[in-house]
Amino acid sequence: MQKITNFLMFTGRAEEAMNFYVSLFNDAQIVSITHYGPNEAGIKGTVMHASFTLNGQLFMCIDSSVDHGFTFTPAMSLHINCDSDEEIETLFNALSANGNILMPLDEYPFSKKYGWLTDQFGISWQLNYNQ
């Protein structure tokens, strides 16, 4: 059976981002990580390939040593239905720190509490809590 996994391409901060995300979510862990060594295609010490889980959801990531001229955009985001007011507040504050708030955490016609942001690594997050 085919499984779809989110694959995140960073440019030197993959391990930092992965550690940050794992620290914020339950049932989260780094599953595997391989770094570039000397004389390999990537920058020594950066992530050749890694996988991690957040709330049991598998993600993969790499550090690209190639300047592609593009990065993450809000056109694709990770959507989280939070279980409590405390959870959405905690996640919103942590993820928006040094990032960019696209829609402030507030009540909207479609949600009792919702916020949309881009984190310090460029990943877009939509957080929702509907009691």
Protein backbone atom coordinates (compact mmCIF):
# COMPACT_ATOMS: atom_id res chain seq x y z
CA MET A 1 0.00 0.00 0.00
CA GLN A 2 1.36 3.41 -0.97
CA LYS A 3 2.15 5.77 1.87
CA ILE A 4 2.58 9.53 1.46
CA THR A 5 5.26 11.12 3.64
CA ASN A 6 6.09 14.80 4.02
CA PHE A 7 9.62 15.46 2.75
CA LEU A 8 11.26 18.73 3.85
CA MET A 9 14.32 20.14 2.08
CA PHE A 10 16.41 22.55 4.13
CA THR A 11 19.67 24.29 3.29
CA GLY A 12 21.79 23.64 6.36
CA ARG A 13 19.27 23.71 9.24
CA ALA A 14 17.50 20.36 8.87
CA GLU A 15 18.83 18.88 12.11
CA GLU A 16 18.08 22.05 14.07
CA ALA A 17 14.53 22.15 12.71
CA MET A 18 13.96 18.45 13.34
CA ASN A 19 15.15 18.74 16.96
CA PHE A 20 12.94 21.80 17.49
CA TYR A 21 9.82 20.09 16.12
CA VAL A 22 10.44 16.88 18.09
CA SER A 23 10.68 18.97 21.29
CA LEU A 24 7.19 20.45 20.72
CA PHE A 25 5.06 17.40 20.01
CA ASN A 26 3.97 14.26 21.85
CA ASP A 27 4.88 10.86 20.45
CA ALA A 28 7.77 12.53 18.60
CA GLN A 29 11.21 11.16 17.94
CA ILE A 30 14.12 11.17 15.55
CA VAL A 31 13.95 7.82 13.78
CA SER A 32 17.17 8.02 11.77
CA ILE A 33 19.78 10.52 10.67
CA THR A 34 22.72 10.30 8.29
CA HIS A 35 25.20 13.17 7.92
CA TYR A 36 27.43 14.02 5.00
CA GLY A 37 31.03 13.09 5.61
CA PRO A 38 34.20 14.54 4.11
CA ASN A 39 34.46 14.42 0.31
CA GLU A 40 30.76 13.63 -0.15
CA ALA A 41 28.21 15.51 -2.27
CA GLY A 42 26.95 17.66 0.62
CA ILE A 43 28.54 19.90 3.22
CA LYS A 44 30.26 17.83 5.91
CA GLY A 45 28.07 17.47 9.02
CA THR A 46 24.79 18.50 7.36
CA VAL A 47 21.89 16.08 6.96
CA MET A 48 22.13 13.68 4.02
CA HIS A 49 18.83 12.08 5.04
CA ALA A 50 16.78 11.93 8.23
CA SER A 51 13.37 10.79 9.35
CA PHE A 52 11.38 11.79 12.41
CA THR A 53 7.87 11.49 13.77
CA LEU A 54 5.48 14.06 15.22
CA ASN A 55 2.40 12.62 16.93
CA GLY A 56 3.21 9.37 15.14
CA GLN A 57 3.27 11.02 11.66
CA LEU A 58 6.44 10.28 9.70
CA PHE A 59 8.47 13.10 8.12
CA MET A 60 11.70 12.98 6.14
CA CYS A 61 14.20 15.80 5.66
CA ILE A 62 17.53 16.65 4.07
CA ASP A 63 19.95 19.53 3.76
CA SER A 64 20.44 20.38 0.12
CA SER A 65 23.89 21.68 -0.73
CA VAL A 66 22.53 23.03 -4.02
CA ASP A 67 21.09 26.56 -4.22
CA HIS A 68 17.78 25.86 -5.93
CA GLY A 69 16.51 29.45 -5.91
CA PHE A 70 13.35 28.37 -4.07
CA THR A 71 12.34 27.52 -0.54
CA PHE A 72 9.19 26.70 1.42
CA THR A 73 6.04 28.75 0.79
CA PRO A 74 2.71 29.07 2.65
CA ALA A 75 1.02 27.46 -0.36
CA MET A 76 1.75 24.14 1.38
CA SER A 77 1.38 23.97 5.14
CA LEU A 78 1.11 21.53 8.01
CA HIS A 79 -2.36 21.65 9.58
CA ILE A 80 -2.84 20.62 13.21
CA ASN A 81 -6.12 20.16 15.05
CA CYS A 82 -5.18 20.92 18.64
CA ASP A 83 -6.83 19.16 21.59
CA SER A 84 -6.83 22.11 24.00
CA ASP A 85 -6.53 25.85 24.33
CA GLU A 86 -3.21 25.34 26.11
CA GLU A 87 -1.86 23.22 23.24
CA ILE A 88 -2.72 25.74 20.52
CA GLU A 89 -1.30 28.64 22.57
CA THR A 90 1.93 26.76 23.30
CA LEU A 91 2.44 25.63 19.71
CA PHE A 92 1.55 29.01 18.22
CA ASN A 93 3.94 30.87 20.51
CA ALA A 94 6.82 28.43 19.99
CA LEU A 95 6.40 28.07 16.22
CA SER A 96 5.87 31.78 15.53
CA ALA A 97 8.97 32.85 17.52
CA ASN A 98 11.42 34.30 14.97
CA GLY A 99 8.91 33.45 12.26
CA ASN A 100 6.10 35.30 10.52
CA ILE A 101 2.45 35.40 11.59
CA LEU A 102 0.17 35.12 8.56
CA MET A 103 -3.09 35.09 10.55
CA PRO A 104 -3.00 35.91 14.29
CA LEU A 105 -4.31 33.39 16.77
CA ASP A 106 -7.95 34.43 17.06
CA GLU A 107 -11.57 33.44 16.51
CA TYR A 108 -12.64 33.30 12.87
CA PRO A 109 -15.97 32.43 11.20
CA PHE A 110 -14.63 28.93 10.49
CA SER A 111 -12.94 28.31 13.86
CA LYS A 112 -13.19 29.17 17.55
CA LYS A 113 -9.40 29.54 17.64
CA TYR A 114 -7.08 29.45 14.64
CA GLY A 115 -3.67 30.78 13.67
CA TRP A 116 -1.46 30.50 10.59
CA LEU A 117 2.26 31.16 10.65
CA THR A 118 5.57 30.50 9.01
CA ASP A 119 8.21 29.31 11.48
CA GLN A 120 11.88 30.34 11.69
CA PHE A 121 12.78 27.58 9.20
CA GLY A 122 10.22 28.65 6.60
CA ILE A 123 7.66 25.89 7.25
CA SER A 124 4.03 27.04 7.20
CA TRP A 125 1.72 25.82 10.00
CA GLN A 126 -2.04 26.15 10.41
CA LEU A 127 -3.22 25.55 13.97
CA ASN A 128 -6.87 24.98 14.79
CA TYR A 129 -8.83 24.44 18.01
CA ASN A 130 -12.60 23.98 17.93
CA GLN A 131 -13.26 22.94 21.55
